[in-house]
Amino acid sequence: MSLGQQLAPHLPFLRRYGRALTGNQQHGDRYVRATLEAIVEAPDQFPRDVEPRLALYRMFQGIWNSTNPAETEVDTQETESGSDQEAVARARLARITPLSRQALLLTAMEGFTPEDAAYLIEVDVDEVETLVADALREIEQQTHARVLIIEDEPMIAMDIETIVRDLGHEVTGVAVTRDEAVALAMEDRPGLVLADIQLADDSSGIDAVKDILAEFDVPVIFITAFPERLLTGERPEPTFLITKPFQRSTVKAAISQALFFDENTVPVGA
């Protein structure tokens, strides 16, 4: 099996990590492309002493640490459009150290062991645990939100609602169809949306979110059992994605990242 064939199954999930790390599909996917280009240009630099997925993420980490194509585009966008949303994201990026955020995402969202995460970010295993604890502590002090849940499976909806409330957020409502989701969003505007893809009446959570975003901006996290379908890098796709079945820590990491990059998030205590 060629190296390309070995890496192909892992690329969607590397895109998920890149998007969550940068808070932007375009920026995250650019890091993935840069990683693949680096592998093609210098295949001898690709680690052969670990399994392919771990080696792929290690190459990505090298690109993240040594170059910053996303930041370059941020500067260009700010110059051309005057957009301040990217500036807000960069300011918040400085408030949580890059390593702590990487350690949290690698373990909670990507499912790496502390030992693997230590290899990826080049620290001791004990330091990984400290970094994750630091990130969680800062996150808990940083933001809270009003959350709309779009989920048609009652048990999963209850589980998500419990997690959201336990994290200190408020649930504005739970919708099971596209029309209900839009109506709830218009009635009580949320600061975050957690949306399943397939809804009760065969409507789509994606369409519900499109309808909501046509009225106002809000960060969105999609929940799906088939993440590969939304991580192709070939079209506009979600920045934040949770895979079913999910762990509590995964939901927490995704919520924290989505709010981290949202310019309208209210700091705790404000």
C-alpha atoms as a PDB file:
ATOM      1  CA  MET A   1       0.000   0.000   0.000  1.00  0.00           C
ATOM      2  CA  SER A   2       1.329   3.418  -0.985  1.00  0.00           C
ATOM      3  CA  LEU A   3       1.862   6.188   1.554  1.00  0.00           C
ATOM      4  CA  GLY A   4      -0.983   8.152  -0.011  1.00  0.00           C
ATOM      5  CA  GLN A   5      -3.348   5.236   0.474  1.00  0.00           C
ATOM      6  CA  GLN A   6      -2.247   4.893   4.086  1.00  0.00           C
ATOM      7  CA  LEU A   7      -2.870   8.573   4.809  1.00  0.00           C
ATOM      8  CA  ALA A   8      -6.155   9.056   2.919  1.00  0.00           C
ATOM      9  CA  PRO A   9      -8.476   7.707   5.684  1.00  0.00           C
ATOM     10  CA  HIS A  10      -6.940  10.116   8.211  1.00  0.00           C
ATOM     11  CA  LEU A  11      -7.174  13.331   6.169  1.00  0.00           C
ATOM     12  CA  PRO A  12     -10.804  14.179   7.065  1.00  0.00           C
ATOM     13  CA  PHE A  13      -9.962  14.059  10.759  1.00  0.00           C
ATOM     14  CA  LEU A  14      -6.807  16.104  10.285  1.00  0.00           C
ATOM     15  CA  ARG A  15      -9.031  18.714   8.619  1.00  0.00           C
ATOM     16  CA  ARG A  16     -11.303  18.605  11.674  1.00  0.00           C
ATOM     17  CA  TYR A  17      -8.315  19.260  13.926  1.00  0.00           C
ATOM     18  CA  GLY A  18      -6.952  22.032  11.723  1.00  0.00           C
ATOM     19  CA  ARG A  19     -10.323  23.781  11.558  1.00  0.00           C
ATOM     20  CA  ALA A  20     -10.864  23.545  15.292  1.00  0.00           C
ATOM     21  CA  LEU A  21      -7.348  24.786  15.978  1.00  0.00           C
ATOM     22  CA  THR A  22      -7.713  27.828  13.715  1.00  0.00           C
ATOM     23  CA  GLY A  23     -11.462  28.421  14.086  1.00  0.00           C
ATOM     24  CA  ASN A  24     -11.839  28.572  10.319  1.00  0.00           C
ATOM     25  CA  GLN A  25     -12.364  25.971   7.581  1.00  0.00           C
ATOM     26  CA  GLN A  26     -10.253  27.831   5.042  1.00  0.00           C
ATOM     27  CA  HIS A  27      -7.313  28.355   7.371  1.00  0.00           C
ATOM     28  CA  GLY A  28      -7.430  24.843   8.794  1.00  0.00           C
ATOM     29  CA  ASP A  29      -7.626  23.214   5.378  1.00  0.00           C
ATOM     30  CA  ARG A  30      -4.701  25.360   4.231  1.00  0.00           C
ATOM     31  CA  TYR A  31      -2.520  23.853   6.954  1.00  0.00           C
ATOM     32  CA  VAL A  32      -3.546  20.381   5.831  1.00  0.00           C
ATOM     33  CA  ARG A  33      -2.627  21.177   2.226  1.00  0.00           C
ATOM     34  CA  ALA A  34       0.706  22.587   3.357  1.00  0.00           C
ATOM     35  CA  THR A  35       1.328  19.393   5.309  1.00  0.00           C
ATOM     36  CA  LEU A  36       0.642  17.202   2.284  1.00  0.00           C
ATOM     37  CA  GLU A  37       2.840  19.380   0.099  1.00  0.00           C
ATOM     38  CA  ALA A  38       5.664  19.034   2.611  1.00  0.00           C
ATOM     39  CA  ILE A  39       5.303  15.237   2.577  1.00  0.00           C
ATOM     40  CA  VAL A  40       5.377  15.157  -1.241  1.00  0.00           C
ATOM     41  CA  GLU A  41       8.403  17.440  -1.419  1.00  0.00           C
ATOM     42  CA  ALA A  42      10.400  15.600   1.268  1.00  0.00           C
ATOM     43  CA  PRO A  43       9.019  12.070   1.753  1.00  0.00           C
ATOM     44  CA  ASP A  44      12.186  11.082   3.609  1.00  0.00           C
ATOM     45  CA  GLN A  45      11.153  13.473   6.394  1.00  0.00           C
ATOM     46  CA  PHE A  46       7.922  11.561   7.018  1.00  0.00           C
ATOM     47  CA  PRO A  47       8.262   9.588  10.295  1.00  0.00           C
ATOM     48  CA  ARG A  48       8.372   5.863   9.563  1.00  0.00           C
ATOM     49  CA  ASP A  49       8.822   4.623  13.112  1.00  0.00           C
ATOM     50  CA  VAL A  50       5.206   5.322  14.168  1.00  0.00           C
ATOM     51  CA  GLU A  51       1.816   4.468  12.697  1.00  0.00           C
ATOM     52  CA  PRO A  52       0.717   6.634   9.723  1.00  0.00           C
ATOM     53  CA  ARG A  53      -1.963   8.659  11.529  1.00  0.00           C
ATOM     54  CA  LEU A  54       0.424   9.712  14.272  1.00  0.00           C
ATOM     55  CA  ALA A  55       3.109  10.531  11.724  1.00  0.00           C
ATOM     56  CA  LEU A  56       0.665  12.614   9.667  1.00  0.00           C
ATOM     57  CA  TYR A  57      -0.336  14.713  12.677  1.00  0.00           C
ATOM     58  CA  ARG A  58       3.337  15.102  13.604  1.00  0.00           C
ATOM     59  CA  MET A  59       4.018  16.546  10.162  1.00  0.00           C
ATOM     60  CA  PHE A  60       1.038  18.871  10.582  1.00  0.00           C
ATOM     61  CA  GLN A  61       2.382  20.039  13.946  1.00  0.00           C
ATOM     62  CA  GLY A  62       5.692  20.814  12.285  1.00  0.00           C
ATOM     63  CA  ILE A  63       3.945  23.005   9.721  1.00  0.00           C
ATOM     64  CA  TRP A  64       1.882  24.698  12.435  1.00  0.00           C
ATOM     65  CA  ASN A  65       4.972  25.494  14.478  1.00  0.00           C
ATOM     66  CA  SER A  66       7.260  26.586  11.656  1.00  0.00           C
ATOM     67  CA  THR A  67       4.975  28.481   9.275  1.00  0.00           C
ATOM     68  CA  ASN A  68       1.733  30.400   9.562  1.00  0.00           C
ATOM     69  CA  PRO A  69      -0.206  30.652   6.293  1.00  0.00           C
ATOM     70  CA  ALA A  70      -3.417  31.368   8.153  1.00  0.00           C
ATOM     71  CA  GLU A  71      -1.926  34.405   9.872  1.00  0.00           C
ATOM     72  CA  THR A  72      -0.690  35.679   6.510  1.00  0.00           C
ATOM     73  CA  GLU A  73      -4.223  35.562   5.140  1.00  0.00           C
ATOM     74  CA  VAL A  74      -5.574  37.208   8.286  1.00  0.00           C
ATOM     75  CA  ASP A  75      -3.304  40.188   7.726  1.00  0.00           C
ATOM     76  CA  THR A  76      -4.420  40.432   4.090  1.00  0.00           C
ATOM     77  CA  GLN A  77      -8.100  40.202   4.954  1.00  0.00           C
ATOM     78  CA  GLU A  78      -7.846  42.841   7.633  1.00  0.00           C
ATOM     79  CA  THR A  79      -6.040  45.182   5.257  1.00  0.00           C
ATOM     80  CA  GLU A  80      -8.508  44.691   2.412  1.00  0.00           C
ATOM     81  CA  SER A  81     -11.842  44.392   4.200  1.00  0.00           C
ATOM     82  CA  GLY A  82     -11.325  46.000   7.577  1.00  0.00           C
ATOM     83  CA  SER A  83     -12.870  42.949   9.179  1.00  0.00           C
ATOM     84  CA  ASP A  84     -12.395  42.890  12.926  1.00  0.00           C
ATOM     85  CA  GLN A  85     -13.633  39.336  13.524  1.00  0.00           C
ATOM     86  CA  GLU A  86     -10.225  37.874  12.681  1.00  0.00           C
ATOM     87  CA  ALA A  87      -8.595  40.416  14.991  1.00  0.00           C
ATOM     88  CA  VAL A  88     -10.843  39.247  17.821  1.00  0.00           C
ATOM     89  CA  ALA A  89      -9.873  35.647  17.124  1.00  0.00           C
ATOM     90  CA  ARG A  90      -6.176  36.517  17.175  1.00  0.00           C
ATOM     91  CA  ALA A  91      -6.569  38.420  20.435  1.00  0.00           C
ATOM     92  CA  ARG A  92      -8.266  35.443  22.036  1.00  0.00           C
ATOM     93  CA  LEU A  93      -5.651  33.122  20.595  1.00  0.00           C
ATOM     94  CA  ALA A  94      -3.106  34.949  22.731  1.00  0.00           C
ATOM     95  CA  ARG A  95      -5.159  34.412  25.900  1.00  0.00           C
ATOM     96  CA  ILE A  96      -4.774  30.630  25.887  1.00  0.00           C
ATOM     97  CA  THR A  97      -1.321  29.300  25.115  1.00  0.00           C
ATOM     98  CA  PRO A  98      -1.080  27.410  21.821  1.00  0.00           C
ATOM     99  CA  LEU A  99       0.272  24.257  23.443  1.00  0.00           C
ATOM    100  CA  SER A 100      -2.548  24.003  25.952  1.00  0.00           C
ATOM    101  CA  ARG A 101      -5.148  24.317  23.208  1.00  0.00           C
ATOM    102  CA  GLN A 102      -3.363  21.773  21.054  1.00  0.00           C
ATOM    103  CA  ALA A 103      -3.069  19.323  23.937  1.00  0.00           C
ATOM    104  CA  LEU A 104      -6.789  19.634  24.686  1.00  0.00           C
ATOM    105  CA  LEU A 105      -7.896  19.183  21.084  1.00  0.00           C
ATOM    106  CA  LEU A 106      -5.529  16.304  20.416  1.00  0.00           C
ATOM    107  CA  THR A 107      -6.718  14.333  23.414  1.00  0.00           C
ATOM    108  CA  ALA A 108     -10.373  15.329  23.796  1.00  0.00           C
ATOM    109  CA  MET A 109     -11.381  15.742  20.156  1.00  0.00           C
ATOM    110  CA  GLU A 110      -8.916  13.653  18.180  1.00  0.00           C
ATOM    111  CA  GLY A 111      -8.709  10.845  20.721  1.00  0.00           C
ATOM    112  CA  PHE A 112      -4.941  10.633  21.047  1.00  0.00           C
ATOM    113  CA  THR A 113      -3.502   9.235  24.243  1.00  0.00           C
ATOM    114  CA  PRO A 114      -1.454  11.580  26.457  1.00  0.00           C
ATOM    115  CA  GLU A 115       1.629   9.673  25.263  1.00  0.00           C
ATOM    116  CA  ASP A 116       0.765  10.294  21.610  1.00  0.00           C
ATOM    117  CA  ALA A 117      -0.088  13.932  22.280  1.00  0.00           C
ATOM    118  CA  ALA A 118       3.263  14.344  24.024  1.00  0.00           C
ATOM    119  CA  TYR A 119       4.984  12.999  20.915  1.00  0.00           C
ATOM    120  CA  LEU A 120       2.999  15.319  18.656  1.00  0.00           C
ATOM    121  CA  ILE A 121       3.674  18.545  20.550  1.00  0.00           C
ATOM    122  CA  GLU A 122       7.117  17.447  21.735  1.00  0.00           C
ATOM    123  CA  VAL A 123       6.692  17.637  25.500  1.00  0.00           C
ATOM    124  CA  ASP A 124       6.757  15.167  28.386  1.00  0.00           C
ATOM    125  CA  VAL A 125       3.616  13.155  29.105  1.00  0.00           C
ATOM    126  CA  ASP A 126       3.210  14.812  32.504  1.00  0.00           C
ATOM    127  CA  GLU A 127       3.264  18.194  30.810  1.00  0.00           C
ATOM    128  CA  VAL A 128       0.407  17.155  28.504  1.00  0.00           C
ATOM    129  CA  GLU A 129      -1.816  16.524  31.501  1.00  0.00           C
ATOM    130  CA  THR A 130      -0.828  19.886  32.979  1.00  0.00           C
ATOM    131  CA  LEU A 131      -1.497  21.677  29.683  1.00  0.00           C
ATOM    132  CA  VAL A 132      -4.942  20.098  29.329  1.00  0.00           C
ATOM    133  CA  ALA A 133      -5.814  21.032  32.908  1.00  0.00           C
ATOM    134  CA  ASP A 134      -4.646  24.599  32.281  1.00  0.00           C
ATOM    135  CA  ALA A 135      -6.729  24.874  29.098  1.00  0.00           C
ATOM    136  CA  LEU A 136      -9.862  23.562  30.801  1.00  0.00           C
ATOM    137  CA  ARG A 137      -9.404  25.878  33.764  1.00  0.00           C
ATOM    138  CA  GLU A 138      -9.014  28.930  31.530  1.00  0.00           C
ATOM    139  CA  ILE A 139     -11.943  27.884  29.364  1.00  0.00           C
ATOM    140  CA  GLU A 140     -14.257  27.497  32.329  1.00  0.00           C
ATOM    141  CA  GLN A 141     -13.370  31.025  33.424  1.00  0.00           C
ATOM    142  CA  GLN A 142     -13.558  32.522  29.961  1.00  0.00           C
ATOM    143  CA  THR A 143     -16.992  32.231  28.393  1.00  0.00           C
ATOM    144  CA  HIS A 144     -20.605  31.184  28.718  1.00  0.00           C
ATOM    145  CA  ALA A 145     -23.344  31.027  26.111  1.00  0.00           C
ATOM    146  CA  ARG A 146     -27.022  30.473  25.413  1.00  0.00           C
ATOM    147  CA  VAL A 147     -27.244  27.282  23.363  1.00  0.00           C
ATOM    148  CA  LEU A 148     -29.849  25.969  20.910  1.00  0.00           C
ATOM    149  CA  ILE A 149     -29.773  22.183  20.476  1.00  0.00           C
ATOM    150  CA  ILE A 150     -31.074  20.669  17.231  1.00  0.00           C
ATOM    151  CA  GLU A 151     -31.338  16.905  17.758  1.00  0.00           C
ATOM    152  CA  ASP A 152     -34.182  14.482  17.041  1.00  0.00           C
ATOM    153  CA  GLU A 153     -33.026  11.530  19.161  1.00  0.00           C
ATOM    154  CA  PRO A 154     -34.433  12.142  22.679  1.00  0.00           C
ATOM    155  CA  MET A 155     -31.693  10.345  24.627  1.00  0.00           C
ATOM    156  CA  ILE A 156     -28.906  12.082  22.729  1.00  0.00           C
ATOM    157  CA  ALA A 157     -30.666  15.443  23.102  1.00  0.00           C
ATOM    158  CA  MET A 158     -30.968  14.895  26.855  1.00  0.00           C
ATOM    159  CA  ASP A 159     -27.306  13.915  27.060  1.00  0.00           C
ATOM    160  CA  ILE A 160     -26.194  17.016  25.164  1.00  0.00           C
ATOM    161  CA  GLU A 161     -28.458  19.252  27.242  1.00  0.00           C
ATOM    162  CA  THR A 162     -27.008  17.849  30.455  1.00  0.00           C
ATOM    163  CA  ILE A 163     -23.453  18.393  29.234  1.00  0.00           C
ATOM    164  CA  VAL A 164     -24.219  21.947  28.123  1.00  0.00           C
ATOM    165  CA  ARG A 165     -25.851  22.872  31.433  1.00  0.00           C
ATOM    166  CA  ASP A 166     -23.093  21.207  33.469  1.00  0.00           C
ATOM    167  CA  LEU A 167     -20.590  23.381  31.615  1.00  0.00           C
ATOM    168  CA  GLY A 168     -22.419  26.453  32.862  1.00  0.00           C
ATOM    169  CA  HIS A 169     -24.250  27.318  29.662  1.00  0.00           C
ATOM    170  CA  GLU A 170     -27.980  27.979  29.246  1.00  0.00           C
ATOM    171  CA  VAL A 171     -30.153  25.943  26.848  1.00  0.00           C
ATOM    172  CA  THR A 172     -32.611  28.108  24.913  1.00  0.00           C
ATOM    173  CA  GLY A 173     -34.472  25.131  23.467  1.00  0.00           C
ATOM    174  CA  VAL A 174     -34.299  21.686  21.866  1.00  0.00           C
ATOM    175  CA  ALA A 175     -35.606  21.333  18.304  1.00  0.00           C
ATOM    176  CA  VAL A 176     -36.265  18.111  16.398  1.00  0.00           C
ATOM    177  CA  THR A 177     -37.076  19.497  12.934  1.00  0.00           C
ATOM    178  CA  ARG A 178     -35.771  22.213  10.625  1.00  0.00           C
ATOM    179  CA  ASP A 179     -38.856  24.416  11.014  1.00  0.00           C
ATOM    180  CA  GLU A 180     -38.861  24.063  14.790  1.00  0.00           C
ATOM    181  CA  ALA A 181     -35.168  24.922  14.967  1.00  0.00           C
ATOM    182  CA  VAL A 182     -35.611  28.090  12.932  1.00  0.00           C
ATOM    183  CA  ALA A 183     -38.656  29.128  14.947  1.00  0.00           C
ATOM    184  CA  LEU A 184     -36.851  28.629  18.256  1.00  0.00           C
ATOM    185  CA  ALA A 185     -33.818  30.550  17.007  1.00  0.00           C
ATOM    186  CA  MET A 186     -35.963  33.486  15.892  1.00  0.00           C
ATOM    187  CA  GLU A 187     -37.920  33.490  19.144  1.00  0.00           C
ATOM    188  CA  ASP A 188     -34.906  33.342  21.473  1.00  0.00           C
ATOM    189  CA  ARG A 189     -31.640  34.094  19.699  1.00  0.00           C
ATOM    190  CA  PRO A 190     -28.890  31.687  20.825  1.00  0.00           C
ATOM    191  CA  GLY A 191     -25.180  32.382  21.120  1.00  0.00           C
ATOM    192  CA  LEU A 192     -24.270  28.874  19.951  1.00  0.00           C
ATOM    193  CA  VAL A 193     -26.011  26.131  17.962  1.00  0.00           C
ATOM    194  CA  LEU A 194     -25.383  22.396  18.332  1.00  0.00           C
ATOM    195  CA  ALA A 195     -26.987  20.683  15.339  1.00  0.00           C
ATOM    196  CA  ASP A 196     -27.476  17.088  14.268  1.00  0.00           C
ATOM    197  CA  ILE A 197     -27.388  16.480  10.513  1.00  0.00           C
ATOM    198  CA  GLN A 198     -30.440  14.217  10.032  1.00  0.00           C
ATOM    199  CA  LEU A 199     -33.639  15.366  11.755  1.00  0.00           C
ATOM    200  CA  ALA A 200     -36.963  13.753  12.663  1.00  0.00           C
ATOM    201  CA  ASP A 201     -39.029  14.685   9.589  1.00  0.00           C
ATOM    202  CA  ASP A 202     -36.179  13.838   7.184  1.00  0.00           C
ATOM    203  CA  SER A 203     -35.239  17.503   7.129  1.00  0.00           C
ATOM    204  CA  SER A 204     -31.620  18.552   7.444  1.00  0.00           C
ATOM    205  CA  GLY A 205     -29.832  20.205  10.328  1.00  0.00           C
ATOM    206  CA  ILE A 206     -27.569  21.791   7.733  1.00  0.00           C
ATOM    207  CA  ASP A 207     -30.561  23.468   6.071  1.00  0.00           C
ATOM    208  CA  ALA A 208     -31.856  24.589   9.464  1.00  0.00           C
ATOM    209  CA  VAL A 209     -28.504  26.194  10.222  1.00  0.00           C
ATOM    210  CA  LYS A 210     -28.422  27.884   6.803  1.00  0.00           C
ATOM    211  CA  ASP A 211     -31.840  29.394   7.527  1.00  0.00           C
ATOM    212  CA  ILE A 212     -30.670  30.624  10.923  1.00  0.00           C
ATOM    213  CA  LEU A 213     -27.415  32.058   9.581  1.00  0.00           C
ATOM    214  CA  ALA A 214     -29.376  33.946   6.937  1.00  0.00           C
ATOM    215  CA  GLU A 215     -30.908  35.924   9.811  1.00  0.00           C
ATOM    216  CA  PHE A 216     -27.920  36.371  12.147  1.00  0.00           C
ATOM    217  CA  ASP A 217     -24.389  35.123  12.750  1.00  0.00           C
ATOM    218  CA  VAL A 218     -23.864  32.445  15.384  1.00  0.00           C
ATOM    219  CA  PRO A 219     -21.161  29.798  15.886  1.00  0.00           C
ATOM    220  CA  VAL A 220     -22.315  26.286  14.988  1.00  0.00           C
ATOM    221  CA  ILE A 221     -21.146  22.808  15.944  1.00  0.00           C
ATOM    222  CA  PHE A 222     -22.478  19.934  13.839  1.00  0.00           C
ATOM    223  CA  ILE A 223     -22.996  16.440  15.216  1.00  0.00           C
ATOM    224  CA  THR A 224     -22.880  13.460  12.871  1.00  0.00           C
ATOM    225  CA  ALA A 225     -22.150   9.749  12.698  1.00  0.00           C
ATOM    226  CA  PHE A 226     -20.523  10.275   9.287  1.00  0.00           C
ATOM    227  CA  PRO A 227     -17.949  13.074   9.709  1.00  0.00           C
ATOM    228  CA  GLU A 228     -16.035  12.145   6.558  1.00  0.00           C
ATOM    229  CA  ARG A 229     -18.915  13.499   4.468  1.00  0.00           C
ATOM    230  CA  LEU A 230     -18.405  16.991   5.893  1.00  0.00           C
ATOM    231  CA  LEU A 231     -14.610  16.994   5.955  1.00  0.00           C
ATOM    232  CA  THR A 232     -13.737  16.664   2.285  1.00  0.00           C
ATOM    233  CA  GLY A 233     -12.129  20.081   1.887  1.00  0.00           C
ATOM    234  CA  GLU A 234     -13.879  20.408  -1.481  1.00  0.00           C
ATOM    235  CA  ARG A 235     -16.695  22.837  -0.573  1.00  0.00           C
ATOM    236  CA  PRO A 236     -17.906  25.093   2.254  1.00  0.00           C
ATOM    237  CA  GLU A 237     -18.098  22.784   5.270  1.00  0.00           C
ATOM    238  CA  PRO A 238     -18.444  23.047   9.054  1.00  0.00           C
ATOM    239  CA  THR A 239     -15.579  24.410  11.077  1.00  0.00           C
ATOM    240  CA  PHE A 240     -16.556  22.476  14.202  1.00  0.00           C
ATOM    241  CA  LEU A 241     -17.713  18.881  14.051  1.00  0.00           C
ATOM    242  CA  ILE A 242     -18.475  16.251  16.703  1.00  0.00           C
ATOM    243  CA  THR A 243     -18.590  12.579  15.781  1.00  0.00           C
ATOM    244  CA  LYS A 244     -21.287  10.244  17.136  1.00  0.00           C
ATOM    245  CA  PRO A 245     -20.970   8.505  19.513  1.00  0.00           C
ATOM    246  CA  PHE A 246     -19.253  11.305  21.427  1.00  0.00           C
ATOM    247  CA  GLN A 247     -17.550  11.700  24.773  1.00  0.00           C
ATOM    248  CA  ARG A 248     -18.345  14.488  27.229  1.00  0.00           C
ATOM    249  CA  SER A 249     -14.783  15.794  26.840  1.00  0.00           C
ATOM    250  CA  THR A 250     -15.234  16.026  23.063  1.00  0.00           C
ATOM    251  CA  VAL A 251     -18.353  18.159  23.406  1.00  0.00           C
ATOM    252  CA  LYS A 252     -16.616  20.377  25.949  1.00  0.00           C
ATOM    253  CA  ALA A 253     -13.586  20.889  23.712  1.00  0.00           C
ATOM    254  CA  ALA A 254     -15.739  21.683  20.679  1.00  0.00           C
ATOM    255  CA  ILE A 255     -17.933  24.149  22.567  1.00  0.00           C
ATOM    256  CA  SER A 256     -14.929  25.898  24.051  1.00  0.00           C
ATOM    257  CA  GLN A 257     -13.268  26.299  20.648  1.00  0.00           C
ATOM    258  CA  ALA A 258     -16.421  27.515  18.910  1.00  0.00           C
ATOM    259  CA  LEU A 259     -16.995  30.146  21.594  1.00  0.00           C
ATOM    260  CA  PHE A 260     -13.319  31.034  21.676  1.00  0.00           C
ATOM    261  CA  PHE A 261     -13.498  32.302  18.097  1.00  0.00           C
ATOM    262  CA  ASP A 262     -16.886  33.996  18.383  1.00  0.00           C
ATOM    263  CA  GLU A 263     -16.699  37.758  18.689  1.00  0.00           C
ATOM    264  CA  ASN A 264     -20.046  37.923  20.511  1.00  0.00           C
ATOM    265  CA  THR A 265     -19.180  35.545  23.363  1.00  0.00           C
ATOM    266  CA  VAL A 266     -19.819  37.057  26.780  1.00  0.00           C
ATOM    267  CA  PRO A 267     -16.974  36.615  29.282  1.00  0.00           C
ATOM    268  CA  VAL A 268     -17.986  34.998  32.545  1.00  0.00           C
ATOM    269  CA  GLY A 269     -18.668  37.635  35.163  1.00  0.00           C
ATOM    270  CA  ALA A 270     -19.426  40.334  32.586  1.00  0.00           C
END
